[in-house]
Amino acid sequence: MKGRTKRKAPELVLKEGKPTAVILDIDEYQEMLERLEDVEDLRMLEEMRKKPLKFRKLEDFLKEYQTSV
């Protein structure tokens, strides 16, 4: 794990006195993206769990997903 460094506070970019953008530390931005992806994955999992389970034979699966290598 990377050593913890003091993060800079986000900087607001103003246009005509109103906030229009934010400048973030790159590590903080990447962490935010990872958290967003985790939330999206959890929502997708919740939706998948609402559907009934379907099972099929391994042979059928392998026929459908054979690689063309």
N, C-alpha and C. Protein backbone atom coordinates (compact mmCIF):
# COMPACT_ATOMS: atom_id res chain seq x y z
N MET A 1 0.85 -1.18 0.00
CA MET A 1 0.00 0.00 0.00
C MET A 1 0.89 1.24 0.00
N LYS A 2 0.51 2.22 -0.72
CA LYS A 2 1.29 3.45 -0.80
C LYS A 2 1.31 4.15 0.55
N GLY A 3 2.42 4.84 0.81
CA GLY A 3 2.48 5.64 2.03
C GLY A 3 1.48 6.77 1.95
N ARG A 4 0.90 7.08 3.06
CA ARG A 4 -0.11 8.14 3.08
C ARG A 4 0.57 9.50 3.04
N THR A 5 0.16 10.30 2.10
CA THR A 5 0.65 11.67 2.04
C THR A 5 -0.51 12.59 2.31
N LYS A 6 -0.20 13.77 2.77
CA LYS A 6 -1.26 14.74 3.03
C LYS A 6 -1.87 15.16 1.71
N ARG A 7 -3.17 15.05 1.61
CA ARG A 7 -3.87 15.41 0.38
C ARG A 7 -4.16 16.90 0.37
N LYS A 8 -4.10 17.40 -0.84
CA LYS A 8 -4.46 18.81 -1.00
C LYS A 8 -5.98 18.92 -1.01
N ALA A 9 -6.47 20.00 -0.49
CA ALA A 9 -7.91 20.24 -0.51
C ALA A 9 -8.34 20.49 -1.96
N PRO A 10 -9.52 20.03 -2.35
CA PRO A 10 -10.02 20.30 -3.70
C PRO A 10 -10.11 21.80 -3.93
N GLU A 11 -9.82 22.21 -5.16
CA GLU A 11 -9.90 23.62 -5.51
C GLU A 11 -11.09 23.84 -6.44
N LEU A 12 -11.89 24.84 -6.14
CA LEU A 12 -13.04 25.17 -6.97
C LEU A 12 -12.63 26.16 -8.05
N VAL A 13 -13.16 25.93 -9.24
CA VAL A 13 -12.96 26.86 -10.34
C VAL A 13 -14.28 27.62 -10.48
N LEU A 14 -14.21 28.93 -10.44
CA LEU A 14 -15.41 29.75 -10.50
C LEU A 14 -15.52 30.43 -11.85
N LYS A 15 -16.75 30.56 -12.31
CA LYS A 15 -17.04 31.33 -13.52
C LYS A 15 -18.19 32.25 -13.17
N GLU A 16 -17.94 33.52 -13.27
CA GLU A 16 -18.93 34.53 -12.90
C GLU A 16 -19.40 34.32 -11.46
N GLY A 17 -18.45 33.95 -10.60
CA GLY A 17 -18.75 33.78 -9.18
C GLY A 17 -19.44 32.48 -8.81
N LYS A 18 -19.66 31.58 -9.79
CA LYS A 18 -20.33 30.31 -9.51
C LYS A 18 -19.37 29.15 -9.76
N PRO A 19 -19.42 28.13 -8.91
CA PRO A 19 -18.54 26.98 -9.11
C PRO A 19 -18.88 26.25 -10.42
N THR A 20 -17.85 25.99 -11.23
CA THR A 20 -18.06 25.29 -12.50
C THR A 20 -17.22 24.04 -12.64
N ALA A 21 -16.17 23.90 -11.83
CA ALA A 21 -15.29 22.73 -11.91
C ALA A 21 -14.56 22.57 -10.58
N VAL A 22 -13.97 21.39 -10.41
CA VAL A 22 -13.18 21.10 -9.22
C VAL A 22 -11.86 20.49 -9.64
N ILE A 23 -10.79 20.93 -9.03
CA ILE A 23 -9.47 20.34 -9.26
C ILE A 23 -9.16 19.47 -8.05
N LEU A 24 -8.94 18.16 -8.32
CA LEU A 24 -8.68 17.19 -7.27
C LEU A 24 -7.29 16.59 -7.42
N ASP A 25 -6.75 16.11 -6.32
CA ASP A 25 -5.55 15.31 -6.34
C ASP A 25 -5.84 14.05 -7.16
N ILE A 26 -4.93 13.61 -8.01
CA ILE A 26 -5.18 12.48 -8.91
C ILE A 26 -5.49 11.21 -8.14
N ASP A 27 -4.82 10.98 -7.00
CA ASP A 27 -5.10 9.79 -6.21
C ASP A 27 -6.53 9.82 -5.66
N GLU A 28 -6.96 10.98 -5.24
CA GLU A 28 -8.33 11.12 -4.73
C GLU A 28 -9.34 10.88 -5.86
N TYR A 29 -9.05 11.40 -7.04
CA TYR A 29 -9.93 11.19 -8.19
C TYR A 29 -10.03 9.71 -8.53
N GLN A 30 -8.90 9.01 -8.56
CA GLN A 30 -8.92 7.58 -8.89
C GLN A 30 -9.67 6.79 -7.82
N GLU A 31 -9.52 7.17 -6.57
CA GLU A 31 -10.26 6.51 -5.49
C GLU A 31 -11.76 6.72 -5.66
N MET A 32 -12.16 7.91 -6.06
CA MET A 32 -13.58 8.19 -6.29
C MET A 32 -14.12 7.32 -7.42
N LEU A 33 -13.34 7.16 -8.50
CA LEU A 33 -13.75 6.32 -9.61
C LEU A 33 -13.91 4.86 -9.18
N GLU A 34 -12.98 4.37 -8.36
CA GLU A 34 -13.07 3.00 -7.87
C GLU A 34 -14.32 2.81 -7.01
N ARG A 35 -14.61 3.78 -6.15
CA ARG A 35 -15.81 3.68 -5.31
C ARG A 35 -17.08 3.69 -6.16
N LEU A 36 -17.10 4.51 -7.18
CA LEU A 36 -18.26 4.56 -8.08
C LEU A 36 -18.44 3.23 -8.79
N GLU A 37 -17.34 2.65 -9.24
CA GLU A 37 -17.42 1.34 -9.89
C GLU A 37 -17.94 0.28 -8.93
N ASP A 38 -17.49 0.33 -7.67
CA ASP A 38 -17.99 -0.62 -6.67
C ASP A 38 -19.49 -0.48 -6.47
N VAL A 39 -19.99 0.75 -6.41
CA VAL A 39 -21.42 0.99 -6.23
C VAL A 39 -22.19 0.45 -7.44
N GLU A 40 -21.68 0.68 -8.64
CA GLU A 40 -22.34 0.18 -9.85
C GLU A 40 -22.36 -1.35 -9.85
N ASP A 41 -21.27 -1.97 -9.42
CA ASP A 41 -21.22 -3.43 -9.35
C ASP A 41 -22.25 -3.97 -8.36
N LEU A 42 -22.39 -3.31 -7.21
CA LEU A 42 -23.37 -3.75 -6.22
C LEU A 42 -24.79 -3.62 -6.75
N ARG A 43 -25.07 -2.54 -7.46
CA ARG A 43 -26.42 -2.38 -8.04
C ARG A 43 -26.70 -3.47 -9.07
N MET A 44 -25.70 -3.79 -9.89
CA MET A 44 -25.88 -4.83 -10.89
C MET A 44 -26.10 -6.18 -10.21
N LEU A 45 -25.37 -6.45 -9.13
CA LEU A 45 -25.55 -7.70 -8.39
C LEU A 45 -26.95 -7.79 -7.80
N GLU A 46 -27.45 -6.68 -7.25
CA GLU A 46 -28.81 -6.67 -6.71
C GLU A 46 -29.83 -7.01 -7.79
N GLU A 47 -29.66 -6.45 -8.98
CA GLU A 47 -30.58 -6.73 -10.08
C GLU A 47 -30.49 -8.19 -10.51
N MET A 48 -29.28 -8.73 -10.54
CA MET A 48 -29.10 -10.12 -10.93
C MET A 48 -29.76 -11.06 -9.93
N ARG A 49 -29.72 -10.70 -8.66
CA ARG A 49 -30.30 -11.55 -7.63
C ARG A 49 -31.82 -11.56 -7.69
N LYS A 50 -32.42 -10.58 -8.31
CA LYS A 50 -33.88 -10.53 -8.44
C LYS A 50 -34.39 -11.53 -9.48
N LYS A 51 -33.51 -11.90 -10.41
CA LYS A 51 -33.90 -12.82 -11.48
C LYS A 51 -33.75 -14.26 -11.00
N PRO A 52 -34.59 -15.16 -11.54
CA PRO A 52 -34.46 -16.57 -11.14
C PRO A 52 -33.16 -17.17 -11.69
N LEU A 53 -32.62 -18.13 -10.95
CA LEU A 53 -31.41 -18.80 -11.39
C LEU A 53 -31.72 -19.75 -12.54
N LYS A 54 -30.83 -19.79 -13.50
CA LYS A 54 -30.97 -20.75 -14.60
C LYS A 54 -29.70 -21.58 -14.66
N PHE A 55 -29.86 -22.88 -14.75
CA PHE A 55 -28.73 -23.77 -14.83
C PHE A 55 -28.73 -24.45 -16.19
N ARG A 56 -27.52 -24.79 -16.67
CA ARG A 56 -27.41 -25.56 -17.89
C ARG A 56 -26.18 -26.44 -17.81
N LYS A 57 -26.12 -27.40 -18.69
CA LYS A 57 -25.02 -28.34 -18.68
C LYS A 57 -23.72 -27.65 -19.08
N LEU A 58 -22.63 -28.11 -18.49
CA LEU A 58 -21.31 -27.57 -18.79
C LEU A 58 -21.00 -27.70 -20.27
N GLU A 59 -21.36 -28.81 -20.87
CA GLU A 59 -21.09 -29.02 -22.30
C GLU A 59 -21.77 -27.95 -23.15
N ASP A 60 -22.99 -27.59 -22.80
CA ASP A 60 -23.72 -26.56 -23.55
C ASP A 60 -23.04 -25.20 -23.41
N PHE A 61 -22.60 -24.91 -22.20
CA PHE A 61 -21.90 -23.65 -21.97
C PHE A 61 -20.61 -23.60 -22.78
N LEU A 62 -19.84 -24.66 -22.75
CA LEU A 62 -18.55 -24.68 -23.47
C LEU A 62 -18.74 -24.55 -24.98
N LYS A 63 -19.80 -25.15 -25.50
CA LYS A 63 -20.08 -25.02 -26.94
C LYS A 63 -20.36 -23.56 -27.31
N GLU A 64 -21.09 -22.86 -26.46
CA GLU A 64 -21.47 -21.48 -26.73
C GLU A 64 -20.29 -20.52 -26.58
N TYR A 65 -19.41 -20.79 -25.63
CA TYR A 65 -18.34 -19.85 -25.32
C TYR A 65 -16.95 -20.34 -25.72
N GLN A 66 -16.87 -21.17 -26.72
CA GLN A 66 -15.55 -21.61 -27.18
C GLN A 66 -14.78 -20.42 -27.76
N THR A 67 -13.49 -20.38 -27.46
CA THR A 67 -12.66 -19.32 -28.01
C THR A 67 -12.26 -19.67 -29.44
N SER A 68 -11.98 -18.68 -30.22
CA SER A 68 -11.62 -18.91 -31.62
C SER A 68 -10.10 -18.90 -31.81
N VAL A 69 -9.36 -19.15 -30.74
CA VAL A 69 -7.90 -19.12 -30.80
C VAL A 69 -7.38 -20.42 -31.33
